[in-house]
């Protein structure tokens, strides 16, 4: 049976105004480890608040313990508050001259991805290693939507921090073409990495009109944003890429489907 632990990690943020008070709340971390005395791989999944039950149900279906550890990183917040928090935590600093706000909800902050990546590297991974012997060269990172955006941004910033990146339904419309332009800046790789990209063919992005009372335009398929990102990635024999399409899935359905994929395919 997998051993389950729960603990909290204080965030590096301090509330300085009413709209940033959520940032002072700690991260909620769940960790499942196999009964092994040896170093084991680790899969870190973002949006722990929303996928905790998916992980529990997945583990209950397994006839034997997995050969890797699972950690989820959440906020311990209700869905509306979690949406606001992740719009900050999972997004890069917007390109100039844009302010550091979510393009969908201008009173929500954006640009916390650098701090989160630093926290994962310097505080979260060492903390997890205190509770389990984690293999430092066998780490995976999974995220969906804004979490998928963060996974790709982390790949471009510090590609060898993880060895397996799983990005589902990444929000690559975010200040488009910001991420597509940055894809060409992937640093040279010294080790072999795996990048799995998952997207539903029914997923669409519906931008808000500039005029508040105007009707929203028809949805734009998000697959094109992802294909453009891949086209800008430099060719590298050290980066194995796989794009997986789900023909009948929309954005909401992809959370569960992609979580199942990550849990099943990591270390398969």
Protein backbone atom coordinates (compact mmCIF):
# COMPACT_ATOMS: atom_id res chain seq x y z
CA UNK A 1 0.00 0.00 0.00
CA UNK A 2 1.23 3.50 -0.82
CA UNK A 3 2.02 5.57 2.26
CA UNK A 4 0.22 8.92 2.35
CA UNK A 5 1.40 12.08 4.11
CA UNK A 6 0.03 15.61 4.20
CA UNK A 7 1.93 18.75 5.13
CA UNK A 8 1.98 22.48 4.50
CA UNK A 9 4.68 24.73 3.11
CA UNK A 10 4.59 28.48 3.83
CA UNK A 11 4.68 30.65 0.73
CA UNK A 12 7.30 33.36 0.19
CA UNK A 13 4.58 35.96 -0.30
CA UNK A 14 3.38 38.51 2.23
CA UNK A 15 -0.07 40.07 1.95
CA UNK A 16 0.32 43.77 1.28
CA UNK A 17 -3.18 44.62 0.01
CA UNK A 18 -6.66 43.09 0.20
CA UNK A 19 -6.44 41.59 -3.29
CA UNK A 20 -3.16 39.80 -2.48
CA UNK A 21 -4.14 38.29 0.87
CA UNK A 22 -4.58 34.86 -0.76
CA UNK A 23 -0.86 34.75 -1.49
CA UNK A 24 0.03 34.54 2.18
CA UNK A 25 -1.78 31.21 2.62
CA UNK A 26 0.46 28.10 2.67
CA UNK A 27 0.76 25.47 -0.01
CA UNK A 28 -1.01 22.18 0.72
CA UNK A 29 1.09 19.15 -0.20
CA UNK A 30 0.02 15.52 -0.39
CA UNK A 31 2.69 12.85 -0.83
CA UNK A 32 2.22 9.18 -1.62
CA UNK A 33 5.28 6.94 -1.46
CA UNK A 34 5.83 3.25 -2.25
CA UNK A 35 7.19 0.94 0.47
CA UNK A 36 10.79 1.11 -0.77
CA UNK A 37 14.09 1.88 0.89
CA UNK A 38 15.66 2.83 -2.44
CA UNK A 39 15.54 6.17 -4.22
CA UNK A 40 12.32 6.40 -6.21
CA UNK A 41 11.14 8.66 -9.06
CA UNK A 42 8.71 11.47 -8.21
CA UNK A 43 5.77 12.86 -10.17
CA UNK A 44 4.73 16.35 -9.02
CA UNK A 45 1.22 17.39 -10.05
CA UNK A 46 -0.07 20.96 -9.86
CA UNK A 47 -3.66 21.89 -8.96
CA UNK A 48 -3.67 19.48 -6.06
CA UNK A 49 -6.98 20.91 -4.81
CA UNK A 50 -8.71 19.70 -7.97
CA UNK A 51 -6.99 16.39 -8.69
CA UNK A 52 -6.55 14.92 -5.21
CA UNK A 53 -9.58 12.66 -5.69
CA UNK A 54 -8.31 11.56 -9.13
CA UNK A 55 -5.06 10.42 -7.51
CA UNK A 56 -6.88 8.60 -4.69
CA UNK A 57 -9.13 6.77 -7.12
CA UNK A 58 -6.21 5.88 -9.37
CA UNK A 59 -4.28 4.39 -6.46
CA UNK A 60 -7.29 2.39 -5.29
CA UNK A 61 -7.47 0.69 -8.69
CA UNK A 62 -3.84 -0.43 -8.66
CA UNK A 63 -3.31 -4.12 -7.82
CA UNK A 64 0.11 -3.34 -6.31
CA UNK A 65 2.05 -0.26 -5.14
CA UNK A 66 3.53 1.96 -7.82
CA UNK A 67 7.26 2.16 -8.43
CA UNK A 68 7.31 5.94 -7.97
CA UNK A 69 6.17 8.63 -5.53
CA UNK A 70 3.36 11.10 -6.19
CA UNK A 71 3.08 14.63 -4.81
CA UNK A 72 0.32 17.16 -5.39
CA UNK A 73 0.78 20.87 -4.84
CA UNK A 74 -2.40 22.73 -3.94
CA UNK A 75 -3.60 25.82 -2.14
CA UNK A 76 -6.27 24.45 0.18
CA UNK A 77 -8.80 26.93 -1.21
CA UNK A 78 -12.32 26.77 -2.62
CA UNK A 79 -12.50 26.80 -6.40
CA UNK A 80 -13.07 30.58 -6.91
CA UNK A 81 -10.14 31.48 -4.65
CA UNK A 82 -7.96 28.73 -6.15
CA UNK A 83 -8.62 30.10 -9.65
CA UNK A 84 -7.38 33.53 -8.59
CA UNK A 85 -4.34 32.11 -6.82
CA UNK A 86 -3.30 29.91 -9.76
CA UNK A 87 -3.70 32.83 -12.20
CA UNK A 88 -0.81 34.39 -10.30
CA UNK A 89 1.28 31.35 -9.35
CA UNK A 90 1.28 29.62 -12.74
CA UNK A 91 1.84 32.58 -15.07
CA UNK A 92 5.11 34.22 -16.19
CA UNK A 93 5.69 37.95 -15.91
CA UNK A 94 3.72 39.44 -18.84
CA UNK A 95 5.71 41.07 -21.65
CA UNK A 96 6.06 44.84 -21.66
CA UNK A 97 4.13 47.08 -21.82
CA UNK A 98 1.42 44.88 -20.29
CA UNK A 99 0.82 45.17 -16.54
CA UNK A 100 1.28 42.08 -14.39
CA UNK A 101 -2.37 41.06 -14.44
CA UNK A 102 -4.44 38.21 -15.79
CA UNK A 103 -5.68 39.16 -19.29
CA UNK A 104 -9.08 37.61 -18.49
CA UNK A 105 -9.60 39.27 -15.10
CA UNK A 106 -7.62 42.53 -14.86
CA UNK A 107 -7.95 42.79 -11.08
CA UNK A 108 -6.15 39.44 -10.64
CA UNK A 109 -2.38 39.53 -10.37
CA UNK A 110 -0.13 37.55 -12.72
CA UNK A 111 3.58 36.83 -12.95
CA UNK A 112 4.25 34.51 -10.01
CA UNK A 113 5.82 31.67 -12.04
CA UNK A 114 9.46 32.67 -11.35
CA UNK A 115 8.86 32.61 -7.59
CA UNK A 116 6.97 29.31 -7.77
CA UNK A 117 9.70 27.63 -9.82
CA UNK A 118 12.30 28.87 -7.33
CA UNK A 119 10.15 27.57 -4.45
CA UNK A 120 9.81 24.15 -6.09
CA UNK A 121 13.56 23.88 -6.63
CA UNK A 122 14.83 25.27 -3.33
CA UNK A 123 12.08 24.42 -0.84
CA UNK A 124 9.54 21.89 -2.11
CA UNK A 125 11.83 19.24 -3.60
CA UNK A 126 14.15 19.29 -0.55
CA UNK A 127 11.10 19.06 1.72
CA UNK A 128 9.75 16.06 -0.18
CA UNK A 129 13.17 14.45 0.04
CA UNK A 130 12.94 14.66 3.83
CA UNK A 131 9.86 12.42 3.73
CA UNK A 132 11.00 10.01 1.00
CA UNK A 133 14.20 9.15 -0.79
CA UNK A 134 13.63 10.85 -4.16
CA UNK A 135 15.76 10.10 -7.20
CA UNK A 136 16.96 13.58 -8.33
CA UNK A 137 17.34 12.54 -12.00
CA UNK A 138 13.89 10.94 -12.29
CA UNK A 139 11.46 13.77 -11.67
CA UNK A 140 8.23 14.56 -13.52
CA UNK A 141 6.05 17.69 -13.58
CA UNK A 142 2.37 17.78 -14.62
CA UNK A 143 -0.04 20.67 -15.05
CA UNK A 144 -3.33 21.44 -16.82
CA UNK A 145 -4.51 24.75 -18.34
CA UNK A 146 -2.60 27.50 -16.52
CA UNK A 147 -0.73 24.64 -14.88
CA UNK A 148 0.15 23.37 -18.37
CA UNK A 149 1.39 26.86 -19.22
CA UNK A 150 3.64 26.74 -16.15
CA UNK A 151 5.01 23.31 -17.13
CA UNK A 152 6.11 24.62 -20.54
CA UNK A 153 7.51 27.82 -19.04
CA UNK A 154 9.51 25.74 -16.52
CA UNK A 155 10.84 23.62 -19.40
CA UNK A 156 12.12 26.75 -21.15
CA UNK A 157 13.62 28.24 -17.97
CA UNK A 158 15.25 25.26 -16.27
CA UNK A 159 14.79 22.29 -18.58
CA UNK A 160 16.89 19.83 -16.60
CA UNK A 161 15.20 20.43 -13.24
CA UNK A 162 12.72 17.73 -14.33
CA UNK A 163 13.21 14.92 -16.80
CA UNK A 164 9.57 14.36 -17.78
CA UNK A 165 7.25 17.28 -18.56
CA UNK A 166 3.54 16.64 -19.04
CA UNK A 167 1.58 19.69 -20.19
CA UNK A 168 -2.18 19.33 -20.67
CA UNK A 169 -4.33 21.96 -22.40
CA UNK A 170 -1.69 24.67 -21.87
CA UNK A 171 -3.03 28.23 -21.95
CA UNK A 172 -0.74 29.30 -24.79
CA UNK A 173 -3.14 32.09 -25.80
CA UNK A 174 -1.79 33.90 -22.72
CA UNK A 175 -0.44 37.21 -24.09
CA UNK A 176 0.00 35.45 -27.43
CA UNK A 177 2.57 35.11 -29.02
CA UNK A 178 4.64 35.40 -25.82
CA UNK A 179 5.17 31.67 -25.27
CA UNK A 180 5.57 30.87 -28.96
CA UNK A 181 8.39 33.42 -29.20
CA UNK A 182 10.06 32.09 -26.06
CA UNK A 183 9.92 28.50 -27.30
CA UNK A 184 12.89 29.22 -29.56
CA UNK A 185 14.96 30.09 -26.46
CA UNK A 186 15.06 26.53 -25.09
CA UNK A 187 18.62 26.13 -23.77
CA UNK A 188 20.87 23.36 -25.13
CA UNK A 189 20.19 20.07 -23.35
CA UNK A 190 22.83 17.79 -21.87
CA UNK A 191 20.41 15.05 -20.80
CA UNK A 192 17.46 13.38 -22.48
CA UNK A 193 14.04 14.82 -21.59
CA UNK A 194 10.47 13.72 -22.32
CA UNK A 195 7.75 16.25 -23.22
CA UNK A 196 4.18 15.01 -23.43
CA UNK A 197 1.56 17.48 -24.69
CA UNK A 198 -2.13 16.65 -24.34
CA UNK A 199 -5.06 18.59 -25.74
CA UNK A 200 -8.73 18.05 -26.54
CA UNK A 201 -9.73 18.81 -30.11
CA UNK A 202 -12.91 20.50 -28.81
CA UNK A 203 -10.99 23.01 -26.69
CA UNK A 204 -11.50 26.67 -27.54
CA UNK A 205 -10.41 30.03 -26.26
CA UNK A 206 -13.02 32.76 -26.18
CA UNK A 207 -11.38 36.15 -25.64
CA UNK A 208 -13.33 38.82 -23.85
CA UNK A 209 -14.28 41.82 -26.02
CA UNK A 210 -12.68 45.18 -25.38
CA UNK A 211 -16.13 46.71 -24.84
CA UNK A 212 -17.70 45.26 -21.65
CA UNK A 213 -21.22 44.94 -23.07
CA UNK A 214 -20.21 43.53 -26.44
CA UNK A 215 -20.88 39.85 -27.16
CA UNK A 216 -17.95 37.50 -26.86
CA UNK A 217 -16.56 36.33 -30.21
CA UNK A 218 -16.68 32.74 -31.37
CA UNK A 219 -14.18 30.40 -29.81
CA UNK A 220 -10.71 29.95 -31.27
CA UNK A 221 -9.40 26.34 -31.28
CA UNK A 222 -6.45 26.17 -28.92
CA UNK A 223 -4.72 23.38 -30.85
CA UNK A 224 -3.24 26.01 -33.20
CA UNK A 225 -1.51 27.81 -30.32
CA UNK A 226 0.08 24.53 -29.26
CA UNK A 227 1.18 23.60 -32.78
CA UNK A 228 2.83 27.02 -33.19
CA UNK A 229 4.68 26.53 -29.90
CA UNK A 230 6.03 23.19 -31.11
CA UNK A 231 7.12 24.70 -34.40
CA UNK A 232 9.22 27.27 -32.56
CA UNK A 233 10.96 24.74 -30.29
CA UNK A 234 14.51 24.16 -31.53
CA UNK A 235 15.21 20.69 -32.85
CA UNK A 236 17.03 18.59 -30.25
CA UNK A 237 17.73 14.90 -30.16
CA UNK A 238 17.70 15.21 -26.37
CA UNK A 239 14.03 16.28 -26.26
CA UNK A 240 11.53 13.57 -27.10
CA UNK A 241 8.16 15.13 -27.91
CA UNK A 242 4.75 13.49 -28.04
CA UNK A 243 1.47 15.25 -28.89
CA UNK A 244 -1.65 13.35 -27.86
CA UNK A 245 -5.06 14.47 -29.15
CA UNK A 246 -8.40 13.67 -27.49
CA UNK A 247 -11.00 14.09 -30.28
CA UNK A 248 -14.16 14.40 -28.14
CA UNK A 249 -12.74 16.26 -25.14
CA UNK A 250 -13.25 19.89 -24.19
CA UNK A 251 -11.17 21.87 -21.73
CA UNK A 252 -12.99 20.72 -18.61
CA UNK A 253 -12.90 17.04 -19.50
CA UNK A 254 -9.17 17.20 -20.11
CA UNK A 255 -8.31 17.68 -16.44
CA UNK A 256 -9.34 14.16 -15.48
CA UNK A 257 -8.17 12.57 -18.73
CA UNK A 258 -4.76 14.19 -18.53
CA UNK A 259 -4.30 13.36 -14.85
CA UNK A 260 -5.01 9.72 -15.63
CA UNK A 261 -2.50 9.84 -18.48
CA UNK A 262 0.20 11.35 -16.26
CA UNK A 263 -0.28 8.80 -13.50
CA UNK A 264 -0.38 5.90 -15.94
CA UNK A 265 2.45 6.89 -18.28
CA UNK A 266 4.98 8.29 -15.84
CA UNK A 267 7.64 5.60 -15.40
CA UNK A 268 5.54 3.15 -17.46
